[in-house]
């Protein structure tokens, strides 16, 4: 008899893309964390502007695991 783990592959939370600016993507995970991945300096700057205007209560990390400080 097969074990349950042999039927179901291990779960991986790869996140959901909420928004994107050029190559930069804002990703939200099931545990509530958000991350800004990729993109050029201009793409990331556009993302920071959008976050500060429309989602100002968000705490966003970058793809290196650091918390991003959004200038007010």
C-alpha atoms as a PDB file:
ATOM      1  CA  UNK A   1       0.000   0.000   0.000  1.00  0.00           C
ATOM      2  CA  UNK A   2       1.307   3.448  -0.925  1.00  0.00           C
ATOM      3  CA  UNK A   3       1.698   6.181   1.620  1.00  0.00           C
ATOM      4  CA  UNK A   4      -0.194   9.428   1.245  1.00  0.00           C
ATOM      5  CA  UNK A   5       3.033  11.318   0.473  1.00  0.00           C
ATOM      6  CA  UNK A   6       3.589   9.153  -2.592  1.00  0.00           C
ATOM      7  CA  UNK A   7       0.291  10.335  -4.122  1.00  0.00           C
ATOM      8  CA  UNK A   8       0.678  14.026  -3.379  1.00  0.00           C
ATOM      9  CA  UNK A   9       3.847  15.944  -4.215  1.00  0.00           C
ATOM     10  CA  UNK A  10       5.217  18.203  -1.460  1.00  0.00           C
ATOM     11  CA  UNK A  11       3.506  21.599  -1.391  1.00  0.00           C
ATOM     12  CA  UNK A  12       5.565  24.591  -2.504  1.00  0.00           C
ATOM     13  CA  UNK A  13       4.286  28.115  -1.969  1.00  0.00           C
ATOM     14  CA  UNK A  14       5.633  29.906  -5.027  1.00  0.00           C
ATOM     15  CA  UNK A  15       3.473  32.963  -4.389  1.00  0.00           C
ATOM     16  CA  UNK A  16       0.953  34.870  -6.453  1.00  0.00           C
ATOM     17  CA  UNK A  17       1.852  37.811  -8.694  1.00  0.00           C
ATOM     18  CA  UNK A  18      -0.191  40.799  -7.511  1.00  0.00           C
ATOM     19  CA  UNK A  19       1.199  43.435  -9.883  1.00  0.00           C
ATOM     20  CA  UNK A  20       4.121  43.980 -12.213  1.00  0.00           C
ATOM     21  CA  UNK A  21       6.062  46.928 -13.579  1.00  0.00           C
ATOM     22  CA  UNK A  22       8.243  45.981 -16.534  1.00  0.00           C
ATOM     23  CA  UNK A  23      10.272  43.029 -15.238  1.00  0.00           C
ATOM     24  CA  UNK A  24       9.619  43.800 -11.535  1.00  0.00           C
ATOM     25  CA  UNK A  25       6.923  41.650  -9.909  1.00  0.00           C
ATOM     26  CA  UNK A  26       5.156  42.102  -6.585  1.00  0.00           C
ATOM     27  CA  UNK A  27       4.578  38.606  -5.132  1.00  0.00           C
ATOM     28  CA  UNK A  28       2.342  37.678  -2.176  1.00  0.00           C
ATOM     29  CA  UNK A  29       2.752  34.373  -0.322  1.00  0.00           C
ATOM     30  CA  UNK A  30       0.148  32.400   1.629  1.00  0.00           C
ATOM     31  CA  UNK A  31       1.732  33.394   4.947  1.00  0.00           C
ATOM     32  CA  UNK A  32       1.027  37.075   4.137  1.00  0.00           C
ATOM     33  CA  UNK A  33       4.566  38.091   3.220  1.00  0.00           C
ATOM     34  CA  UNK A  34       5.184  40.171   0.110  1.00  0.00           C
ATOM     35  CA  UNK A  35       8.278  40.419  -2.050  1.00  0.00           C
ATOM     36  CA  UNK A  36       9.411  42.587  -4.943  1.00  0.00           C
ATOM     37  CA  UNK A  37      11.388  40.514  -7.454  1.00  0.00           C
ATOM     38  CA  UNK A  38      13.506  41.436 -10.444  1.00  0.00           C
ATOM     39  CA  UNK A  39      13.313  44.445 -12.687  1.00  0.00           C
ATOM     40  CA  UNK A  40      15.528  47.375 -13.467  1.00  0.00           C
ATOM     41  CA  UNK A  41      16.065  50.353 -11.185  1.00  0.00           C
ATOM     42  CA  UNK A  42      13.304  52.263 -13.007  1.00  0.00           C
ATOM     43  CA  UNK A  43      10.871  49.324 -12.725  1.00  0.00           C
ATOM     44  CA  UNK A  44      11.513  49.026  -8.981  1.00  0.00           C
ATOM     45  CA  UNK A  45      11.143  52.783  -8.519  1.00  0.00           C
ATOM     46  CA  UNK A  46       7.743  52.673 -10.271  1.00  0.00           C
ATOM     47  CA  UNK A  47       6.748  49.800  -7.982  1.00  0.00           C
ATOM     48  CA  UNK A  48       7.799  51.776  -4.891  1.00  0.00           C
ATOM     49  CA  UNK A  49       5.734  54.767  -6.039  1.00  0.00           C
ATOM     50  CA  UNK A  50       2.664  52.594  -6.628  1.00  0.00           C
ATOM     51  CA  UNK A  51       3.036  50.851  -3.257  1.00  0.00           C
ATOM     52  CA  UNK A  52       3.425  54.155  -1.417  1.00  0.00           C
ATOM     53  CA  UNK A  53       0.278  55.546  -3.084  1.00  0.00           C
ATOM     54  CA  UNK A  54      -2.087  52.576  -3.146  1.00  0.00           C
ATOM     55  CA  UNK A  55      -0.811  50.027  -0.614  1.00  0.00           C
ATOM     56  CA  UNK A  56       0.990  52.220   1.902  1.00  0.00           C
ATOM     57  CA  UNK A  57       0.449  49.829   4.854  1.00  0.00           C
ATOM     58  CA  UNK A  58       2.356  47.011   3.107  1.00  0.00           C
ATOM     59  CA  UNK A  59       5.758  45.826   4.274  1.00  0.00           C
ATOM     60  CA  UNK A  60       7.583  44.565   1.203  1.00  0.00           C
ATOM     61  CA  UNK A  61      10.796  42.552   1.110  1.00  0.00           C
ATOM     62  CA  UNK A  62      13.110  42.277  -1.846  1.00  0.00           C
ATOM     63  CA  UNK A  63      14.306  39.096  -3.536  1.00  0.00           C
ATOM     64  CA  UNK A  64      17.326  38.960  -1.206  1.00  0.00           C
ATOM     65  CA  UNK A  65      15.142  38.728   1.891  1.00  0.00           C
ATOM     66  CA  UNK A  66      15.677  42.324   3.002  1.00  0.00           C
ATOM     67  CA  UNK A  67      12.826  44.596   4.064  1.00  0.00           C
ATOM     68  CA  UNK A  68      12.387  47.540   1.728  1.00  0.00           C
ATOM     69  CA  UNK A  69      11.888  50.986   3.177  1.00  0.00           C
ATOM     70  CA  UNK A  70       9.492  52.950   1.023  1.00  0.00           C
ATOM     71  CA  UNK A  71      10.248  56.705   1.136  1.00  0.00           C
ATOM     72  CA  UNK A  72       7.278  58.845   2.098  1.00  0.00           C
END
